[in-house]
Amino acid sequence: MPAMSGSSANSQTTMKPAQDEIRLAQQQLQGHGLYHGRIDGILGPETQQALSEFQKKNGLNETATLDQPTMDKLLGNTTGGNAGMGSSTPPTVYHGTGSTSIPQPGNPVTSGLGDHSAPKQ
C-alpha cells in the first residue's frame, strides 16, 4: 500500500501540513539560520533542504518533510515527544511553567468560595 494514498491523522510522517504550519516552520528555520528564502507557506526545495538540515542537527529522522517530531522540536515542545497535540497541557503555556500558571486547590485565597456551611449574616 502506498504511504501517501490517504492523508489521514494516523500517518505521522506523511502528513500534509497546512500553509500556516509551513510558514511557522519557515520562520523557526530562519531563526535557526537554516532557511534563507521567502516565508511563503510553500514546502519547496529550499524549505525541504532547511528541514533536512534541522533534522540532522537535532537527531531526527531526515525526511525533509514537516512531520510531527520535527514540528515539535522546531516549536520547542520537548515535553510530549510522541504525544503530539493531544497532551494535557495547552501549548500556549510552555514558556511559563512556574507555579503562577495554575492556582493550586486549597489556597487560602479562595477561603469564602464554596463554603456553604458558613452562617449567613
Protein backbone atom coordinates (compact mmCIF):
# COMPACT_ATOMS: atom_id res chain seq x y z
CA MET A 1 0.00 0.00 0.00
CA PRO A 2 1.36 3.46 -0.79
CA ALA A 3 2.03 5.57 2.29
CA MET A 4 0.68 8.75 0.75
CA SER A 5 -2.65 7.41 -0.50
CA GLY A 6 -4.66 8.84 2.39
CA SER A 7 -3.52 11.86 4.32
CA SER A 8 -5.37 10.92 7.48
CA ALA A 9 -4.47 11.91 11.01
CA ASN A 10 -3.00 8.42 11.56
CA SER A 11 0.06 8.94 9.38
CA GLN A 12 2.76 10.69 11.39
CA THR A 13 5.49 11.09 8.80
CA THR A 14 3.42 11.70 5.67
CA MET A 15 1.04 14.36 6.94
CA LYS A 16 0.31 17.28 4.65
CA PRO A 17 0.94 20.41 6.68
CA ALA A 18 -1.20 23.49 6.18
CA GLN A 19 0.29 26.66 4.72
CA ASP A 20 0.29 28.41 8.09
CA GLU A 21 2.20 25.48 9.64
CA ILE A 22 4.77 25.66 6.85
CA ARG A 23 5.08 29.43 7.35
CA LEU A 24 5.65 28.92 11.06
CA ALA A 25 8.26 26.26 10.33
CA GLN A 26 9.98 28.57 7.81
CA GLN A 27 10.11 31.32 10.43
CA GLN A 28 11.59 28.96 13.00
CA LEU A 29 14.11 27.58 10.50
CA GLN A 30 15.04 31.13 9.55
CA GLY A 31 15.61 31.90 13.23
CA HIS A 32 17.98 28.91 13.39
CA GLY A 33 19.85 30.29 10.38
CA LEU A 34 18.88 27.34 8.17
CA TYR A 35 16.30 28.92 5.86
CA HIS A 36 17.00 32.00 3.77
CA GLY A 37 14.03 32.05 1.38
CA ARG A 38 10.66 33.79 1.47
CA ILE A 39 8.16 32.98 4.22
CA ASP A 40 5.53 31.82 1.74
CA GLY A 41 3.97 28.67 3.24
CA ILE A 42 5.20 26.51 0.36
CA LEU A 43 7.12 23.32 1.08
CA GLY A 44 9.57 23.87 -1.74
CA PRO A 45 13.18 22.73 -2.25
CA GLU A 46 14.67 25.44 0.00
CA THR A 47 12.31 24.61 2.84
CA GLN A 48 12.94 20.89 2.42
CA GLN A 49 16.70 21.47 2.50
CA ALA A 50 16.37 23.53 5.67
CA LEU A 51 14.13 20.88 7.26
CA SER A 52 16.65 18.18 6.40
CA GLU A 53 19.49 20.20 7.97
CA PHE A 54 17.42 20.89 11.07
CA GLN A 55 16.51 17.21 11.41
CA LYS A 56 20.15 16.17 11.01
CA LYS A 57 21.37 18.67 13.64
CA ASN A 58 18.68 17.58 16.11
CA GLY A 59 18.97 13.81 15.76
CA LEU A 60 15.63 13.40 14.00
CA ASN A 61 14.82 11.16 11.03
CA GLU A 62 15.92 13.03 7.90
CA THR A 63 12.68 13.09 5.97
CA ALA A 64 12.92 16.67 4.62
CA THR A 65 9.22 16.92 5.47
CA LEU A 66 7.37 18.75 8.20
CA ASP A 67 6.45 15.73 10.28
CA GLN A 68 5.18 15.90 13.86
CA PRO A 69 8.52 15.21 15.61
CA THR A 70 10.17 17.95 13.55
CA MET A 71 7.38 20.42 14.23
CA ASP A 72 7.55 19.63 17.96
CA LYS A 73 11.30 20.21 18.01
CA LEU A 74 11.02 23.42 15.98
CA LEU A 75 8.45 24.84 18.38
CA GLY A 76 10.29 23.70 21.48
CA ASN A 77 7.65 21.16 22.51
CA THR A 78 10.07 18.80 24.25
CA THR A 79 7.68 17.57 26.93
CA GLY A 80 5.43 15.43 24.75
CA GLY A 81 7.71 13.67 22.28
CA ASN A 82 5.26 11.31 20.61
CA ALA A 83 2.25 12.74 22.46
CA GLY A 84 1.75 15.40 19.80
CA MET A 85 -1.17 17.77 20.08
CA GLY A 86 -3.22 15.63 22.46
CA SER A 87 -1.25 16.50 25.57
CA SER A 88 -2.97 17.63 28.74
CA THR A 89 -1.22 20.99 28.87
CA PRO A 90 -2.15 23.73 26.43
CA PRO A 91 0.70 24.57 24.05
CA THR A 92 0.50 28.28 24.87
CA VAL A 93 1.81 27.86 28.44
CA TYR A 94 5.04 26.01 27.63
CA HIS A 95 7.16 29.08 28.33
CA GLY A 96 5.51 29.82 31.68
CA THR A 97 5.93 26.59 33.57
CA GLY A 98 6.24 28.20 37.01
CA SER A 99 3.74 27.98 39.82
CA THR A 100 1.95 31.11 38.61
CA SER A 101 0.31 29.34 35.68
CA ILE A 102 -2.34 27.37 37.55
CA PRO A 103 -3.54 28.18 41.07
CA GLN A 104 -3.28 25.28 43.49
CA PRO A 105 -6.53 23.99 45.00
CA GLY A 106 -7.00 24.70 48.68
CA ASN A 107 -5.19 28.04 48.70
CA PRO A 108 -6.31 30.40 51.48
CA VAL A 109 -7.06 32.97 48.78
CA THR A 110 -10.30 31.12 47.97
CA SER A 111 -11.44 30.99 51.63
CA GLY A 112 -15.04 32.13 51.18
CA LEU A 113 -15.80 30.41 47.90
CA GLY A 114 -17.91 27.29 48.06
CA ASP A 115 -18.22 27.28 51.85
CA HIS A 116 -21.94 26.65 52.09
CA SER A 117 -21.84 25.68 55.78
CA ALA A 118 -20.78 29.14 56.98
CA PRO A 119 -23.54 31.04 58.77
CA LYS A 120 -25.02 33.93 56.81
CA GLN A 121 -25.02 37.37 58.46
